[in-house]
């Protein structure tokens, strides 16, 4: 991993922390891989001190472990983590969709419709990376429309931990087409301000994504 990290805008430690966290969550660093301070410092062009501080923060979050005589080892996101997160998401995102149906603005609905149009385009193109990005934006708008800062904060944090999982899900055969229909169902319910249907459509979508993911991670964990 290479970077042009510079100490401008906000702390160097925060920049390094975010860079390392992203690399762990997107699978650049695999579970069981050793993270060597000197090597990371050279790759990122910084001293070992901010690297050490960032690794301590990642250890507090459970993404790495410090093991005597072995150093810092990547824990990553496990199959159990993914299963737990999707089970919790199913309930909380259902609530977010319910609240969003009651509060969503015309501007937010227009943004969702534009994303749906792009999803249809990239589904036909088979561009899974772009679909994953659009999926994230679609859900972010719904979190914002729920008008609940605590709910939005929890779900945004969850979504950071499932970046690779989302990409894996949409790459599965036939999943992109089914996912597009599920997003349309969610949008239709939100546009109709039908809270019950919006909640059901969202829980169905997240539940299907979970069912699609688990078999893959049973064979190849993050």
C-alpha atoms as a PDB file:
ATOM      1  CA  UNK A   1       0.000   0.000   0.000  1.00  0.00           C
ATOM      2  CA  UNK A   2       1.403   3.380  -0.976  1.00  0.00           C
ATOM      3  CA  UNK A   3       0.156   6.812  -0.009  1.00  0.00           C
ATOM      4  CA  UNK A   4       0.826  10.535  -0.325  1.00  0.00           C
ATOM      5  CA  UNK A   5      -0.280  11.178   3.256  1.00  0.00           C
ATOM      6  CA  UNK A   6       0.676  14.675   4.390  1.00  0.00           C
ATOM      7  CA  UNK A   7       0.203  16.451   7.694  1.00  0.00           C
ATOM      8  CA  UNK A   8      -2.278  19.062   6.483  1.00  0.00           C
ATOM      9  CA  UNK A   9      -5.913  19.741   7.412  1.00  0.00           C
ATOM     10  CA  UNK A  10      -6.108  17.321  10.281  1.00  0.00           C
ATOM     11  CA  UNK A  11      -3.769  15.172  12.310  1.00  0.00           C
ATOM     12  CA  UNK A  12      -1.272  12.873  10.687  1.00  0.00           C
ATOM     13  CA  UNK A  13      -2.366  10.112  13.022  1.00  0.00           C
ATOM     14  CA  UNK A  14      -5.968  10.422  11.796  1.00  0.00           C
ATOM     15  CA  UNK A  15      -4.852  10.218   8.181  1.00  0.00           C
ATOM     16  CA  UNK A  16      -2.772   7.127   8.837  1.00  0.00           C
ATOM     17  CA  UNK A  17      -5.522   5.550  10.924  1.00  0.00           C
ATOM     18  CA  UNK A  18      -8.087   6.065   8.160  1.00  0.00           C
ATOM     19  CA  UNK A  19      -5.692   4.742   5.515  1.00  0.00           C
ATOM     20  CA  UNK A  20      -4.887   1.576   7.482  1.00  0.00           C
ATOM     21  CA  UNK A  21      -8.519   1.011   8.451  1.00  0.00           C
ATOM     22  CA  UNK A  22      -9.638   1.269   4.829  1.00  0.00           C
ATOM     23  CA  UNK A  23      -6.938  -1.198   3.762  1.00  0.00           C
ATOM     24  CA  UNK A  24      -8.125  -3.695   6.388  1.00  0.00           C
ATOM     25  CA  UNK A  25     -11.807  -3.319   5.569  1.00  0.00           C
ATOM     26  CA  UNK A  26     -11.395  -3.553   1.797  1.00  0.00           C
ATOM     27  CA  UNK A  27      -9.275  -6.683   2.103  1.00  0.00           C
ATOM     28  CA  UNK A  28      -5.913  -5.190   1.118  1.00  0.00           C
ATOM     29  CA  UNK A  29      -4.610  -6.524   4.420  1.00  0.00           C
ATOM     30  CA  UNK A  30      -5.866 -10.051   5.078  1.00  0.00           C
ATOM     31  CA  UNK A  31      -6.738 -11.625   8.450  1.00  0.00           C
ATOM     32  CA  UNK A  32      -3.615 -13.133   9.959  1.00  0.00           C
ATOM     33  CA  UNK A  33      -1.292 -10.788   8.079  1.00  0.00           C
ATOM     34  CA  UNK A  34       1.429  -9.110  10.147  1.00  0.00           C
ATOM     35  CA  UNK A  35       1.624  -5.310  10.094  1.00  0.00           C
ATOM     36  CA  UNK A  36       5.217  -4.176  10.587  1.00  0.00           C
ATOM     37  CA  UNK A  37       5.666  -0.608  11.820  1.00  0.00           C
ATOM     38  CA  UNK A  38       8.901   0.035   9.936  1.00  0.00           C
ATOM     39  CA  UNK A  39       7.481  -1.266   6.660  1.00  0.00           C
ATOM     40  CA  UNK A  40       4.268   0.755   7.027  1.00  0.00           C
ATOM     41  CA  UNK A  41       6.239   3.885   7.917  1.00  0.00           C
ATOM     42  CA  UNK A  42       8.289   3.514   4.737  1.00  0.00           C
ATOM     43  CA  UNK A  43       5.211   2.865   2.565  1.00  0.00           C
ATOM     44  CA  UNK A  44       3.370   5.876   3.971  1.00  0.00           C
ATOM     45  CA  UNK A  45       6.394   8.157   4.186  1.00  0.00           C
ATOM     46  CA  UNK A  46       6.084   8.886   7.900  1.00  0.00           C
ATOM     47  CA  UNK A  47       7.828   8.065  11.166  1.00  0.00           C
ATOM     48  CA  UNK A  48       6.950   4.994  13.240  1.00  0.00           C
ATOM     49  CA  UNK A  49       5.292   7.008  16.041  1.00  0.00           C
ATOM     50  CA  UNK A  50       2.020   7.891  14.230  1.00  0.00           C
ATOM     51  CA  UNK A  51       1.925   4.349  12.809  1.00  0.00           C
ATOM     52  CA  UNK A  52       2.133   2.934  16.330  1.00  0.00           C
ATOM     53  CA  UNK A  53      -0.623   5.283  17.560  1.00  0.00           C
ATOM     54  CA  UNK A  54      -2.913   4.359  14.668  1.00  0.00           C
ATOM     55  CA  UNK A  55      -2.363   0.641  15.289  1.00  0.00           C
ATOM     56  CA  UNK A  56      -3.308   1.104  18.946  1.00  0.00           C
ATOM     57  CA  UNK A  57      -6.584   2.712  17.890  1.00  0.00           C
ATOM     58  CA  UNK A  58      -7.285  -0.119  15.449  1.00  0.00           C
ATOM     59  CA  UNK A  59      -6.594  -2.606  18.236  1.00  0.00           C
ATOM     60  CA  UNK A  60      -9.211  -0.899  20.422  1.00  0.00           C
ATOM     61  CA  UNK A  61     -11.697  -1.435  17.577  1.00  0.00           C
ATOM     62  CA  UNK A  62     -10.782  -5.108  17.291  1.00  0.00           C
ATOM     63  CA  UNK A  63      -9.436  -4.824  13.748  1.00  0.00           C
ATOM     64  CA  UNK A  64      -5.904  -5.827  14.791  1.00  0.00           C
ATOM     65  CA  UNK A  65      -4.368  -7.671  17.726  1.00  0.00           C
ATOM     66  CA  UNK A  66      -1.014  -7.191  19.407  1.00  0.00           C
ATOM     67  CA  UNK A  67       0.475 -10.637  20.037  1.00  0.00           C
ATOM     68  CA  UNK A  68       3.689 -11.140  22.067  1.00  0.00           C
ATOM     69  CA  UNK A  69       6.629 -12.228  19.891  1.00  0.00           C
ATOM     70  CA  UNK A  70       4.491 -11.869  16.756  1.00  0.00           C
ATOM     71  CA  UNK A  71       3.664  -8.173  16.627  1.00  0.00           C
ATOM     72  CA  UNK A  72       0.472  -6.647  15.258  1.00  0.00           C
ATOM     73  CA  UNK A  73      -1.775  -9.099  13.426  1.00  0.00           C
ATOM     74  CA  UNK A  74      -4.798  -8.219  11.272  1.00  0.00           C
ATOM     75  CA  UNK A  75      -8.108  -9.511  12.624  1.00  0.00           C
ATOM     76  CA  UNK A  76     -10.210  -7.898   9.905  1.00  0.00           C
ATOM     77  CA  UNK A  77     -13.936  -8.550   9.632  1.00  0.00           C
ATOM     78  CA  UNK A  78     -14.917 -12.153  10.272  1.00  0.00           C
ATOM     79  CA  UNK A  79     -17.822 -14.227   9.016  1.00  0.00           C
ATOM     80  CA  UNK A  80     -19.444 -13.850  12.432  1.00  0.00           C
ATOM     81  CA  UNK A  81     -19.019 -10.059  12.238  1.00  0.00           C
ATOM     82  CA  UNK A  82     -20.716  -9.995   8.831  1.00  0.00           C
ATOM     83  CA  UNK A  83     -23.561 -12.216  10.022  1.00  0.00           C
ATOM     84  CA  UNK A  84     -24.092 -10.068  13.119  1.00  0.00           C
ATOM     85  CA  UNK A  85     -23.942  -6.804  11.192  1.00  0.00           C
ATOM     86  CA  UNK A  86     -26.451  -7.917   8.568  1.00  0.00           C
ATOM     87  CA  UNK A  87     -28.819  -9.268  11.219  1.00  0.00           C
ATOM     88  CA  UNK A  88     -28.695  -5.940  13.054  1.00  0.00           C
ATOM     89  CA  UNK A  89     -28.897  -3.983   9.785  1.00  0.00           C
ATOM     90  CA  UNK A  90     -32.079  -5.802   8.852  1.00  0.00           C
ATOM     91  CA  UNK A  91     -33.826  -4.429  11.916  1.00  0.00           C
ATOM     92  CA  UNK A  92     -32.291  -0.962  12.084  1.00  0.00           C
ATOM     93  CA  UNK A  93     -32.437  -0.187   8.360  1.00  0.00           C
ATOM     94  CA  UNK A  94     -36.042  -1.283   8.349  1.00  0.00           C
ATOM     95  CA  UNK A  95     -36.669   1.372  10.980  1.00  0.00           C
ATOM     96  CA  UNK A  96     -34.697   3.917   8.955  1.00  0.00           C
ATOM     97  CA  UNK A  97     -36.858   3.219   5.893  1.00  0.00           C
ATOM     98  CA  UNK A  98     -40.028   3.527   7.989  1.00  0.00           C
ATOM     99  CA  UNK A  99     -39.003   6.921   9.324  1.00  0.00           C
ATOM    100  CA  UNK A 100     -37.713   8.041   5.931  1.00  0.00           C
ATOM    101  CA  UNK A 101     -41.093   7.268   4.338  1.00  0.00           C
ATOM    102  CA  UNK A 102     -42.668   9.718   6.759  1.00  0.00           C
ATOM    103  CA  UNK A 103     -40.085  12.490   6.360  1.00  0.00           C
ATOM    104  CA  UNK A 104     -38.349  12.186   2.988  1.00  0.00           C
ATOM    105  CA  UNK A 105     -38.209  15.328   0.853  1.00  0.00           C
ATOM    106  CA  UNK A 106     -38.895  15.695  -2.849  1.00  0.00           C
ATOM    107  CA  UNK A 107     -35.221  16.509  -3.370  1.00  0.00           C
ATOM    108  CA  UNK A 108     -34.148  13.291  -1.667  1.00  0.00           C
ATOM    109  CA  UNK A 109     -36.642  11.286  -3.706  1.00  0.00           C
ATOM    110  CA  UNK A 110     -35.208  12.835  -6.875  1.00  0.00           C
ATOM    111  CA  UNK A 111     -31.700  11.836  -5.758  1.00  0.00           C
ATOM    112  CA  UNK A 112     -32.847   8.254  -5.164  1.00  0.00           C
ATOM    113  CA  UNK A 113     -34.533   8.131  -8.569  1.00  0.00           C
ATOM    114  CA  UNK A 114     -31.353   9.368 -10.260  1.00  0.00           C
ATOM    115  CA  UNK A 115     -29.360   6.659  -8.470  1.00  0.00           C
ATOM    116  CA  UNK A 116     -31.854   4.019  -9.588  1.00  0.00           C
ATOM    117  CA  UNK A 117     -31.443   5.122 -13.200  1.00  0.00           C
ATOM    118  CA  UNK A 118     -27.667   4.821 -12.857  1.00  0.00           C
ATOM    119  CA  UNK A 119     -28.037   1.426 -11.174  1.00  0.00           C
ATOM    120  CA  UNK A 120     -30.032   0.179 -14.147  1.00  0.00           C
ATOM    121  CA  UNK A 121     -27.356   1.467 -16.545  1.00  0.00           C
ATOM    122  CA  UNK A 122     -24.447  -0.122 -14.651  1.00  0.00           C
ATOM    123  CA  UNK A 123     -26.353  -3.360 -14.093  1.00  0.00           C
ATOM    124  CA  UNK A 124     -26.583  -3.730 -17.865  1.00  0.00           C
ATOM    125  CA  UNK A 125     -22.874  -2.895 -18.130  1.00  0.00           C
ATOM    126  CA  UNK A 126     -21.967  -5.378 -15.405  1.00  0.00           C
ATOM    127  CA  UNK A 127     -19.943  -2.755 -13.517  1.00  0.00           C
ATOM    128  CA  UNK A 128     -20.093  -4.183  -9.986  1.00  0.00           C
ATOM    129  CA  UNK A 129     -17.710  -1.632  -8.464  1.00  0.00           C
ATOM    130  CA  UNK A 130     -19.952   1.233  -9.583  1.00  0.00           C
ATOM    131  CA  UNK A 131     -23.061  -0.623  -8.400  1.00  0.00           C
ATOM    132  CA  UNK A 132     -21.511  -1.065  -4.961  1.00  0.00           C
ATOM    133  CA  UNK A 133     -20.775   2.651  -4.803  1.00  0.00           C
ATOM    134  CA  UNK A 134     -24.319   3.561  -5.881  1.00  0.00           C
ATOM    135  CA  UNK A 135     -25.804   1.124  -3.376  1.00  0.00           C
ATOM    136  CA  UNK A 136     -23.935   2.900  -0.602  1.00  0.00           C
ATOM    137  CA  UNK A 137     -25.195   6.304  -1.772  1.00  0.00           C
ATOM    138  CA  UNK A 138     -28.778   5.023  -2.006  1.00  0.00           C
ATOM    139  CA  UNK A 139     -28.745   3.823   1.584  1.00  0.00           C
ATOM    140  CA  UNK A 140     -26.976   6.962   2.825  1.00  0.00           C
ATOM    141  CA  UNK A 141     -29.789   9.140   1.473  1.00  0.00           C
ATOM    142  CA  UNK A 142     -32.353   7.012   3.284  1.00  0.00           C
ATOM    143  CA  UNK A 143     -30.378   7.322   6.530  1.00  0.00           C
ATOM    144  CA  UNK A 144     -30.366  11.103   6.090  1.00  0.00           C
ATOM    145  CA  UNK A 145     -34.076  11.129   5.264  1.00  0.00           C
ATOM    146  CA  UNK A 146     -34.859   9.300   8.512  1.00  0.00           C
ATOM    147  CA  UNK A 147     -33.846  12.566  10.192  1.00  0.00           C
ATOM    148  CA  UNK A 148     -32.315  10.736  13.148  1.00  0.00           C
ATOM    149  CA  UNK A 149     -28.699  11.536  13.922  1.00  0.00           C
ATOM    150  CA  UNK A 150     -28.213   8.534  16.251  1.00  0.00           C
ATOM    151  CA  UNK A 151     -29.652   6.147  13.661  1.00  0.00           C
ATOM    152  CA  UNK A 152     -27.619   7.662  10.833  1.00  0.00           C
ATOM    153  CA  UNK A 153     -24.424   7.476  12.909  1.00  0.00           C
ATOM    154  CA  UNK A 154     -24.894   3.792  13.771  1.00  0.00           C
ATOM    155  CA  UNK A 155     -25.716   2.751  10.216  1.00  0.00           C
ATOM    156  CA  UNK A 156     -22.925   4.805   8.640  1.00  0.00           C
ATOM    157  CA  UNK A 157     -20.435   3.074  10.946  1.00  0.00           C
ATOM    158  CA  UNK A 158     -21.855  -0.350  10.033  1.00  0.00           C
ATOM    159  CA  UNK A 159     -21.521   0.392   6.344  1.00  0.00           C
ATOM    160  CA  UNK A 160     -17.812   1.145   6.750  1.00  0.00           C
ATOM    161  CA  UNK A 161     -17.348  -2.437   7.924  1.00  0.00           C
ATOM    162  CA  UNK A 162     -19.123  -4.076   4.995  1.00  0.00           C
ATOM    163  CA  UNK A 163     -17.458  -2.390   2.016  1.00  0.00           C
ATOM    164  CA  UNK A 164     -15.995  -5.604   0.670  1.00  0.00           C
ATOM    165  CA  UNK A 165     -19.081  -7.600   1.642  1.00  0.00           C
ATOM    166  CA  UNK A 166     -21.271  -5.285  -0.438  1.00  0.00           C
ATOM    167  CA  UNK A 167     -19.011  -5.722  -3.454  1.00  0.00           C
ATOM    168  CA  UNK A 168     -18.977  -9.509  -3.012  1.00  0.00           C
ATOM    169  CA  UNK A 169     -22.766  -9.549  -2.802  1.00  0.00           C
ATOM    170  CA  UNK A 170     -23.385  -7.642  -6.019  1.00  0.00           C
ATOM    171  CA  UNK A 171     -20.849  -9.792  -7.917  1.00  0.00           C
ATOM    172  CA  UNK A 172     -22.805 -12.987  -7.237  1.00  0.00           C
ATOM    173  CA  UNK A 173     -24.609 -14.368 -10.278  1.00  0.00           C
ATOM    174  CA  UNK A 174     -28.001 -12.725 -10.751  1.00  0.00           C
ATOM    175  CA  UNK A 175     -27.726 -10.643  -7.578  1.00  0.00           C
ATOM    176  CA  UNK A 176     -27.364  -7.266  -9.330  1.00  0.00           C
ATOM    177  CA  UNK A 177     -30.687  -7.710 -11.162  1.00  0.00           C
ATOM    178  CA  UNK A 178     -32.532  -8.815  -8.029  1.00  0.00           C
ATOM    179  CA  UNK A 179     -30.937  -6.012  -6.021  1.00  0.00           C
ATOM    180  CA  UNK A 180     -32.096  -3.431  -8.580  1.00  0.00           C
ATOM    181  CA  UNK A 181     -35.694  -4.620  -8.217  1.00  0.00           C
ATOM    182  CA  UNK A 182     -35.402  -4.505  -4.425  1.00  0.00           C
ATOM    183  CA  UNK A 183     -34.132  -0.928  -4.564  1.00  0.00           C
ATOM    184  CA  UNK A 184     -37.031   0.002  -6.826  1.00  0.00           C
ATOM    185  CA  UNK A 185     -39.477  -1.519  -4.333  1.00  0.00           C
ATOM    186  CA  UNK A 186     -37.907   0.546  -1.564  1.00  0.00           C
ATOM    187  CA  UNK A 187     -38.084   3.696  -3.667  1.00  0.00           C
ATOM    188  CA  UNK A 188     -41.726   3.127  -4.644  1.00  0.00           C
ATOM    189  CA  UNK A 189     -42.718   2.741  -0.993  1.00  0.00           C
ATOM    190  CA  UNK A 190     -40.798   5.864   0.014  1.00  0.00           C
ATOM    191  CA  UNK A 191     -42.329   7.872  -2.843  1.00  0.00           C
ATOM    192  CA  UNK A 192     -45.785   6.751  -1.699  1.00  0.00           C
ATOM    193  CA  UNK A 193     -44.869   7.630   1.909  1.00  0.00           C
ATOM    194  CA  UNK A 194     -45.972   4.117   2.857  1.00  0.00           C
ATOM    195  CA  UNK A 195     -44.012   3.418   6.046  1.00  0.00           C
ATOM    196  CA  UNK A 196     -45.124  -0.204   6.473  1.00  0.00           C
ATOM    197  CA  UNK A 197     -44.216  -1.197   2.929  1.00  0.00           C
ATOM    198  CA  UNK A 198     -40.937   0.737   3.042  1.00  0.00           C
ATOM    199  CA  UNK A 199     -39.887  -1.116   6.176  1.00  0.00           C
ATOM    200  CA  UNK A 200     -40.816  -4.497   4.679  1.00  0.00           C
ATOM    201  CA  UNK A 201     -39.033  -3.729   1.401  1.00  0.00           C
ATOM    202  CA  UNK A 202     -35.864  -2.725   3.233  1.00  0.00           C
ATOM    203  CA  UNK A 203     -35.795  -5.734   5.565  1.00  0.00           C
ATOM    204  CA  UNK A 204     -36.368  -7.981   2.547  1.00  0.00           C
ATOM    205  CA  UNK A 205     -33.463  -6.343   0.706  1.00  0.00           C
ATOM    206  CA  UNK A 206     -30.990  -6.594   3.590  1.00  0.00           C
ATOM    207  CA  UNK A 207     -32.127 -10.137   4.383  1.00  0.00           C
ATOM    208  CA  UNK A 208     -31.559 -11.247   0.795  1.00  0.00           C
ATOM    209  CA  UNK A 209     -28.104  -9.657   0.770  1.00  0.00           C
ATOM    210  CA  UNK A 210     -27.209 -11.551   3.949  1.00  0.00           C
ATOM    211  CA  UNK A 211     -28.416 -14.895   2.557  1.00  0.00           C
ATOM    212  CA  UNK A 212     -26.404 -14.234  -0.585  1.00  0.00           C
ATOM    213  CA  UNK A 213     -23.218 -13.393   1.333  1.00  0.00           C
ATOM    214  CA  UNK A 214     -22.952 -16.056   4.019  1.00  0.00           C
ATOM    215  CA  UNK A 215     -22.130 -19.025   1.727  1.00  0.00           C
ATOM    216  CA  UNK A 216     -19.275 -17.062   0.163  1.00  0.00           C
ATOM    217  CA  UNK A 217     -17.717 -16.112   3.484  1.00  0.00           C
ATOM    218  CA  UNK A 218     -18.103 -19.618   4.823  1.00  0.00           C
ATOM    219  CA  UNK A 219     -15.526 -20.575   2.190  1.00  0.00           C
ATOM    220  CA  UNK A 220     -13.464 -17.403   2.133  1.00  0.00           C
ATOM    221  CA  UNK A 221     -13.690 -15.108   5.136  1.00  0.00           C
ATOM    222  CA  UNK A 222     -12.732 -11.474   4.871  1.00  0.00           C
END
